[in-house]
Amino acid sequence: MTKEELLRILEKYRNGTASPEEKEISNRFLANREKHWIDDWSDMEASEKDKMRVEMFESILKKVEVQTGMVKRPKRAIWHVAAMFALFMGIAWFFVSNDAQQPSQVSYITKIAARGQKLTVTLSDGSMVKLNSESSITFPESFADADTRTIQLVGEAFFEVTRDEAKPFKISTDSLITTVLGTSFNVRAYPEDVSISVTVATGKVLIQPRNPKEDERSQRSHAILTPGQQGLFNKQSASITKSTVDPDKYLAWRHNLIRFDRIPLSEAVEILERWYDVEIELENEIGRTCLIEGSYQNESLANVLESMQFAGRLEYEFVNKRKIKISGNACNN
């Protein structure tokens, strides 16, 4: 198939006029996007690639069920477009990968918590999912005719799963599957993170790679987690490490609590950007050398920045309502 033919099919897919065969071609193209970006589109200019990514993003956005109140914002830094594109491509992968396993009449629902928002979703089995900012879940409208309760997660979410021993509950991310019968736990799986973390509050969960047969190391990589334990899955090495942690540290966000436990300023900035839907620019190397500590519950961004400025000898300024600059030559560590 030529590029021109594929572009024609994708355009029909975007307009909603594609035939079932053309939809299948489009879905498989989206599901295997990385290969196409590298191989099939290597001769396109960067601006053309970015335009195509954004057009795909917008077309898919129209097809998913977005939470009430979510608005379309101006495009900002390219990394943010790429992150959101990865989120929606994860959704596309879920539909394609489940097509051969589920009856064609199964209806799927996608729920999205945009930047600066959080969302609580109750599934058909009574399980509760709380989504953190810039996260999504895709799940069947009903689990009645399925052997398992499987959902797709992009981003971070806290789960309270209704126990059903006959139907294990599975959370699938781009590279890890978490399986439970009934428990409460947190999964953090943002596309840009180098690892996926699973932190257990109650019950017991099993974590294992999504495609264990593709890598011999993955066949030996699995872990059972109990309350107070966390599993970290490294995406590059396909390895899992297990440790004992304070669950409150990783679950605080669900109570609208920001908790910094002596983390680098650069990491704190990433959290604040998602939490308040802003862009924060660090003007020097202080992002790596300055450690931030503190807890903030239902605080305004200005109050958080004031506290950080006082504790860390930092300076900040609002360039506009959505952009902040932080600078400083020293930090109280």
Protein backbone atom coordinates (compact mmCIF):
# COMPACT_ATOMS: atom_id res chain seq x y z
CA MET A 1 0.00 0.00 0.00
CA THR A 2 1.33 3.46 -0.93
CA LYS A 3 1.48 6.38 1.48
CA GLU A 4 -1.16 8.19 -0.55
CA GLU A 5 -3.57 5.26 -0.20
CA LEU A 6 -2.92 5.02 3.53
CA LEU A 7 -3.43 8.77 4.01
CA ARG A 8 -6.73 8.51 2.12
CA ILE A 9 -7.89 5.70 4.41
CA LEU A 10 -6.81 7.59 7.52
CA GLU A 11 -8.70 10.65 6.35
CA LYS A 12 -11.86 8.56 5.89
CA TYR A 13 -11.27 7.08 9.35
CA ARG A 14 -11.03 10.59 10.81
CA ASN A 15 -14.23 11.67 9.04
CA GLY A 16 -16.13 8.55 10.12
CA THR A 17 -16.70 7.29 6.56
CA ALA A 18 -14.27 4.35 6.57
CA SER A 19 -15.47 0.84 5.75
CA PRO A 20 -14.92 -2.00 8.27
CA GLU A 21 -11.82 -3.07 6.32
CA GLU A 22 -10.48 0.49 6.25
CA LYS A 23 -11.13 0.86 9.98
CA GLU A 24 -9.10 -2.30 10.59
CA ILE A 25 -6.21 -0.89 8.53
CA SER A 26 -6.38 2.40 10.43
CA ASN A 27 -6.48 0.69 13.82
CA ARG A 28 -3.50 -1.48 13.02
CA PHE A 29 -1.58 1.53 11.76
CA LEU A 30 -2.27 3.36 15.03
CA ALA A 31 -1.39 0.30 17.12
CA ASN A 32 1.97 -0.02 15.35
CA ARG A 33 2.67 3.70 15.16
CA GLU A 34 6.31 3.57 16.30
CA LYS A 35 7.37 1.43 13.32
CA HIS A 36 5.49 3.68 10.91
CA TRP A 37 6.97 6.87 12.35
CA ILE A 38 10.49 5.46 11.97
CA ASP A 39 10.21 3.50 8.73
CA ASP A 40 7.27 4.59 6.60
CA TRP A 41 7.48 8.31 7.38
CA SER A 42 11.25 8.83 7.58
CA ASP A 43 11.24 11.21 4.62
CA MET A 44 8.59 13.54 5.98
CA GLU A 45 9.55 16.89 7.46
CA ALA A 46 9.32 17.16 11.25
CA SER A 47 6.55 19.75 10.99
CA GLU A 48 4.51 17.39 8.81
CA LYS A 49 4.96 14.57 11.34
CA ASP A 50 3.85 16.80 14.21
CA LYS A 51 0.85 17.99 12.23
CA MET A 52 -0.16 14.42 11.48
CA ARG A 53 0.26 13.40 15.14
CA VAL A 54 -1.96 16.29 16.27
CA GLU A 55 -4.60 15.53 13.63
CA MET A 56 -4.66 11.89 14.75
CA PHE A 57 -4.91 12.99 18.36
CA GLU A 58 -7.83 15.29 17.63
CA SER A 59 -9.69 12.68 15.57
CA ILE A 60 -9.36 10.05 18.30
CA LEU A 61 -10.33 12.59 20.95
CA LYS A 62 -13.67 13.00 19.21
CA LYS A 63 -14.30 9.25 19.37
CA VAL A 64 -13.76 8.68 23.10
CA GLU A 65 -16.03 9.57 26.00
CA VAL A 66 -14.40 12.48 27.79
CA GLN A 67 -15.44 13.61 31.26
CA THR A 68 -17.82 16.56 31.54
CA GLY A 69 -16.01 19.85 31.64
CA MET A 70 -12.90 18.83 29.75
CA VAL A 71 -12.05 21.58 27.26
CA LYS A 72 -9.69 21.71 24.33
CA ARG A 73 -6.69 23.86 25.22
CA PRO A 74 -4.08 25.49 22.98
CA LYS A 75 -1.16 23.29 22.03
CA ARG A 76 1.89 24.05 24.15
CA ALA A 77 5.30 22.36 24.34
CA ILE A 78 5.80 19.49 21.89
CA TRP A 79 6.58 17.07 24.74
CA HIS A 80 3.08 17.61 26.08
CA VAL A 81 1.53 16.86 22.69
CA ALA A 82 3.64 13.71 22.50
CA ALA A 83 2.58 12.62 25.99
CA MET A 84 -1.10 13.10 25.21
CA PHE A 85 -0.64 11.37 21.86
CA ALA A 86 0.88 8.40 23.67
CA LEU A 87 -2.11 8.33 25.99
CA PHE A 88 -4.59 8.07 23.14
CA MET A 89 -2.45 5.62 21.22
CA GLY A 90 -2.53 3.45 24.33
CA ILE A 91 -6.30 3.52 24.08
CA ALA A 92 -6.11 2.56 20.39
CA TRP A 93 -3.78 -0.34 21.26
CA PHE A 94 -6.30 -1.61 23.81
CA PHE A 95 -9.09 -1.82 21.26
CA VAL A 96 -6.90 -3.53 18.66
CA SER A 97 -5.31 -6.04 21.05
CA ASN A 98 -8.66 -7.02 22.50
CA ASP A 99 -10.44 -7.30 19.16
CA ALA A 100 -9.41 -10.94 18.64
CA GLN A 101 -10.15 -11.90 22.24
CA GLN A 102 -13.56 -10.32 22.83
CA PRO A 103 -16.88 -10.71 20.99
CA SER A 104 -17.48 -7.97 18.44
CA GLN A 105 -20.59 -6.74 20.27
CA VAL A 106 -18.64 -5.72 23.39
CA SER A 107 -18.87 -1.96 23.98
CA TYR A 108 -15.90 -0.13 25.51
CA ILE A 109 -15.85 3.07 27.50
CA THR A 110 -12.92 5.45 27.93
CA LYS A 111 -12.71 7.89 30.83
CA ILE A 112 -10.08 10.62 30.92
CA ALA A 113 -8.82 12.91 33.69
CA ALA A 114 -7.26 15.89 31.94
CA ARG A 115 -4.34 17.91 33.24
CA GLY A 116 -5.31 19.70 36.44
CA GLN A 117 -8.26 17.35 37.07
CA LYS A 118 -9.05 14.08 38.84
CA LEU A 119 -11.90 11.69 38.18
CA THR A 120 -13.63 8.88 40.08
CA VAL A 121 -15.18 6.07 38.02
CA THR A 122 -17.38 3.20 39.25
CA LEU A 123 -17.24 0.08 37.06
CA SER A 124 -20.13 -2.29 36.37
CA ASP A 125 -18.91 -4.76 39.03
CA GLY A 126 -18.86 -2.06 41.71
CA SER A 127 -15.09 -1.57 41.62
CA MET A 128 -13.95 2.04 42.06
CA VAL A 129 -11.16 3.73 40.14
CA LYS A 130 -9.79 7.17 40.96
CA LEU A 131 -7.76 8.69 38.11
CA ASN A 132 -4.94 11.13 38.72
CA SER A 133 -4.31 14.04 36.36
CA GLU A 134 -3.46 13.28 32.71
CA SER A 135 -4.61 9.66 32.99
CA SER A 136 -7.18 7.41 31.31
CA ILE A 137 -8.83 4.02 31.62
CA THR A 138 -10.60 2.00 28.94
CA PHE A 139 -12.92 -0.82 30.01
CA PRO A 140 -15.89 -2.92 28.82
CA GLU A 141 -19.32 -1.51 29.51
CA SER A 142 -20.07 -4.80 31.29
CA PHE A 143 -17.98 -7.71 32.57
CA ALA A 144 -20.94 -10.11 32.49
CA ASP A 145 -19.83 -12.17 29.49
CA ALA A 146 -16.07 -12.10 30.15
CA ASP A 147 -13.84 -14.56 32.00
CA THR A 148 -11.75 -11.74 33.43
CA ARG A 149 -12.28 -8.09 34.27
CA THR A 150 -9.60 -6.42 32.15
CA ILE A 151 -9.05 -2.69 31.76
CA GLN A 152 -6.36 -0.54 30.10
CA LEU A 153 -4.59 2.19 32.11
CA VAL A 154 -2.47 5.07 30.91
CA GLY A 155 -1.15 7.29 33.69
CA GLU A 156 -1.89 6.82 37.40
CA ALA A 157 -4.93 5.44 39.24
CA PHE A 158 -5.99 4.08 42.62
CA PHE A 159 -8.20 0.97 42.56
CA GLU A 160 -10.66 -0.47 45.06
CA VAL A 161 -11.61 -3.78 43.47
CA THR A 162 -14.77 -5.70 44.29
CA ARG A 163 -13.84 -9.29 45.11
CA ASP A 164 -14.87 -11.93 42.57
CA GLU A 165 -12.74 -15.07 42.63
CA ALA A 166 -14.37 -16.35 39.44
CA LYS A 167 -13.28 -13.26 37.49
CA PRO A 168 -9.80 -11.91 38.27
CA PHE A 169 -9.38 -8.16 37.81
CA LYS A 170 -6.51 -7.18 35.49
CA ILE A 171 -4.99 -3.78 34.83
CA SER A 172 -3.02 -3.70 31.59
CA THR A 173 -0.48 -0.97 30.81
CA ASP A 174 1.90 -0.75 27.87
CA SER A 175 4.28 -3.30 29.42
CA LEU A 176 2.87 -4.65 32.70
CA ILE A 177 -0.21 -6.56 33.89
CA THR A 178 -1.45 -6.35 37.47
CA THR A 179 -3.84 -9.13 38.55
CA VAL A 180 -6.04 -9.12 41.69
CA LEU A 181 -9.15 -10.75 43.11
CA GLY A 182 -10.21 -7.99 45.47
CA THR A 183 -7.98 -5.34 47.02
CA SER A 184 -6.94 -1.68 46.97
CA PHE A 185 -3.74 -0.47 45.37
CA ASN A 186 -2.13 2.24 43.26
CA VAL A 187 -0.66 1.91 39.75
CA ARG A 188 1.54 4.62 38.25
CA ALA A 189 2.27 4.06 34.54
CA TYR A 190 2.80 7.36 32.76
CA PRO A 191 4.25 6.82 29.25
CA GLU A 192 7.27 9.06 29.89
CA ASP A 193 8.31 7.31 33.15
CA VAL A 194 11.17 4.80 32.97
CA SER A 195 9.40 2.45 35.37
CA ILE A 196 5.89 1.40 36.41
CA SER A 197 5.08 1.27 40.12
CA VAL A 198 2.39 -0.74 41.91
CA THR A 199 1.79 0.06 45.58
CA VAL A 200 -0.55 -2.10 47.66
CA ALA A 201 -2.76 -0.74 50.44
CA THR A 202 -4.84 -3.88 51.16
CA GLY A 203 -5.04 -7.43 49.80
CA LYS A 204 -2.60 -9.09 47.43
CA VAL A 205 -1.65 -8.50 43.78
CA LEU A 206 0.45 -10.23 41.14
CA ILE A 207 2.49 -8.16 38.68
CA GLN A 208 4.12 -9.52 35.55
CA PRO A 209 5.22 -8.29 32.09
CA ARG A 210 2.49 -7.98 29.48
CA ASN A 211 4.46 -9.93 26.86
CA PRO A 212 6.56 -12.45 28.84
CA LYS A 213 7.37 -14.68 25.82
CA GLU A 214 9.17 -11.91 23.99
CA ASP A 215 12.02 -11.75 26.46
CA GLU A 216 13.61 -14.56 28.48
CA ARG A 217 14.33 -12.17 31.33
CA SER A 218 10.65 -11.34 31.51
CA GLN A 219 9.74 -14.99 32.06
CA ARG A 220 11.52 -14.81 35.39
CA SER A 221 10.14 -11.37 36.25
CA HIS A 222 7.04 -11.45 38.39
CA ALA A 223 6.20 -10.54 41.97
CA ILE A 224 3.40 -10.98 44.50
CA LEU A 225 2.80 -7.84 46.55
CA THR A 226 1.09 -7.58 49.94
CA PRO A 227 0.04 -4.50 52.00
CA GLY A 228 2.85 -2.01 52.43
CA GLN A 229 4.85 -3.36 49.50
CA GLN A 230 5.70 -1.76 46.19
CA GLY A 231 6.80 -3.33 42.94
CA LEU A 232 8.87 -1.36 40.42
CA PHE A 233 8.97 -2.64 36.84
CA ASN A 234 11.83 -1.25 34.76
CA LYS A 235 10.63 -0.91 31.16
CA GLN A 236 14.10 -1.22 29.64
CA SER A 237 15.45 -4.20 31.58
CA ALA A 238 12.03 -5.88 32.03
CA SER A 239 12.99 -6.49 35.67
CA ILE A 240 10.94 -6.13 38.85
CA THR A 241 12.18 -5.00 42.25
CA LYS A 242 10.08 -5.32 45.39
CA SER A 243 10.41 -3.20 48.54
CA THR A 244 8.56 -2.23 51.71
CA VAL A 245 7.27 1.35 51.63
CA ASP A 246 4.94 3.76 53.40
CA PRO A 247 1.79 3.49 51.25
CA ASP A 248 0.56 6.92 52.38
CA LYS A 249 3.49 8.48 50.55
CA TYR A 250 2.27 7.10 47.22
CA LEU A 251 -1.48 7.27 47.85
CA ALA A 252 -1.65 10.83 49.21
CA TRP A 253 -2.75 12.27 45.85
CA ARG A 254 -6.18 10.60 46.09
CA HIS A 255 -6.91 12.80 49.13
CA ASN A 256 -5.88 15.94 47.19
CA LEU A 257 -2.62 15.97 49.13
CA ILE A 258 0.70 16.83 47.50
CA ARG A 259 3.53 15.23 49.44
CA PHE A 260 7.18 15.96 48.73
CA ASP A 261 9.61 13.76 50.69
CA ARG A 262 12.98 15.34 49.85
CA ILE A 263 12.64 14.83 46.13
CA PRO A 264 14.58 16.79 43.47
CA LEU A 265 12.99 20.07 42.49
CA SER A 266 12.73 18.81 38.89
CA GLU A 267 10.47 15.95 40.05
CA ALA A 268 8.39 18.30 42.19
CA VAL A 269 7.92 20.53 39.15
CA GLU A 270 6.55 17.63 37.07
CA ILE A 271 3.97 16.91 39.79
CA LEU A 272 2.92 20.56 40.02
CA GLU A 273 2.58 20.82 36.24
CA ARG A 274 0.12 17.92 36.16
CA TRP A 275 -1.65 18.97 39.34
CA TYR A 276 -2.31 22.60 38.35
CA ASP A 277 -2.19 22.35 34.53
CA VAL A 278 0.73 24.77 34.13
CA GLU A 279 4.21 24.91 32.60
CA ILE A 280 7.14 25.55 34.95
CA GLU A 281 10.56 26.50 33.62
CA LEU A 282 13.71 25.96 35.70
CA GLU A 283 16.31 28.56 34.74
CA ASN A 284 19.43 26.73 35.92
CA GLU A 285 20.75 23.44 37.32
CA ILE A 286 18.99 23.93 40.64
CA GLY A 287 16.35 21.41 39.57
CA ARG A 288 18.73 18.52 40.18
CA THR A 289 20.53 19.81 43.28
CA CYS A 290 17.64 21.23 45.29
CA LEU A 291 15.60 18.78 47.38
CA ILE A 292 11.98 19.67 48.20
CA GLU A 293 10.05 18.63 51.30
CA GLY A 294 6.53 19.49 52.44
CA SER A 295 2.83 18.57 52.32
CA TYR A 296 0.08 20.65 50.75
CA GLN A 297 -3.61 19.76 50.88
CA ASN A 298 -6.08 21.67 48.70
CA GLU A 299 -3.60 24.54 48.45
CA SER A 300 -3.42 27.04 45.62
CA LEU A 301 -0.36 26.95 43.39
CA ALA A 302 0.69 30.37 44.65
CA ASN A 303 0.69 29.11 48.25
CA VAL A 304 2.75 26.06 47.31
CA LEU A 305 5.30 28.21 45.46
CA GLU A 306 5.49 30.66 48.37
CA SER A 307 6.26 27.80 50.74
CA MET A 308 8.89 26.35 48.42
CA GLN A 309 10.45 29.78 48.00
CA PHE A 310 10.72 30.29 51.75
CA ALA A 311 12.08 26.81 52.48
CA GLY A 312 14.44 26.53 49.55
CA ARG A 313 15.68 30.06 48.89
CA LEU A 314 14.05 29.95 45.48
CA GLU A 315 12.61 32.74 43.36
CA TYR A 316 9.55 32.37 41.16
CA GLU A 317 7.50 34.56 38.85
CA PHE A 318 4.28 34.10 36.88
CA VAL A 319 4.99 34.83 33.23
CA ASN A 320 1.27 34.40 32.63
CA LYS A 321 -1.56 32.40 34.21
CA ARG A 322 -0.19 29.13 32.83
CA LYS A 323 3.57 29.65 32.87
CA ILE A 324 5.96 30.08 35.82
CA LYS A 325 9.72 30.55 36.02
CA ILE A 326 11.73 29.30 39.01
CA SER A 327 15.30 30.36 39.62
CA GLY A 328 17.88 30.38 42.42
CA ASN A 329 21.55 29.77 43.01
CA ALA A 330 21.26 27.89 46.29
CA CYS A 331 18.85 25.67 48.15
CA ASN A 332 18.34 24.83 51.81
CA ASN A 333 18.84 21.06 51.84
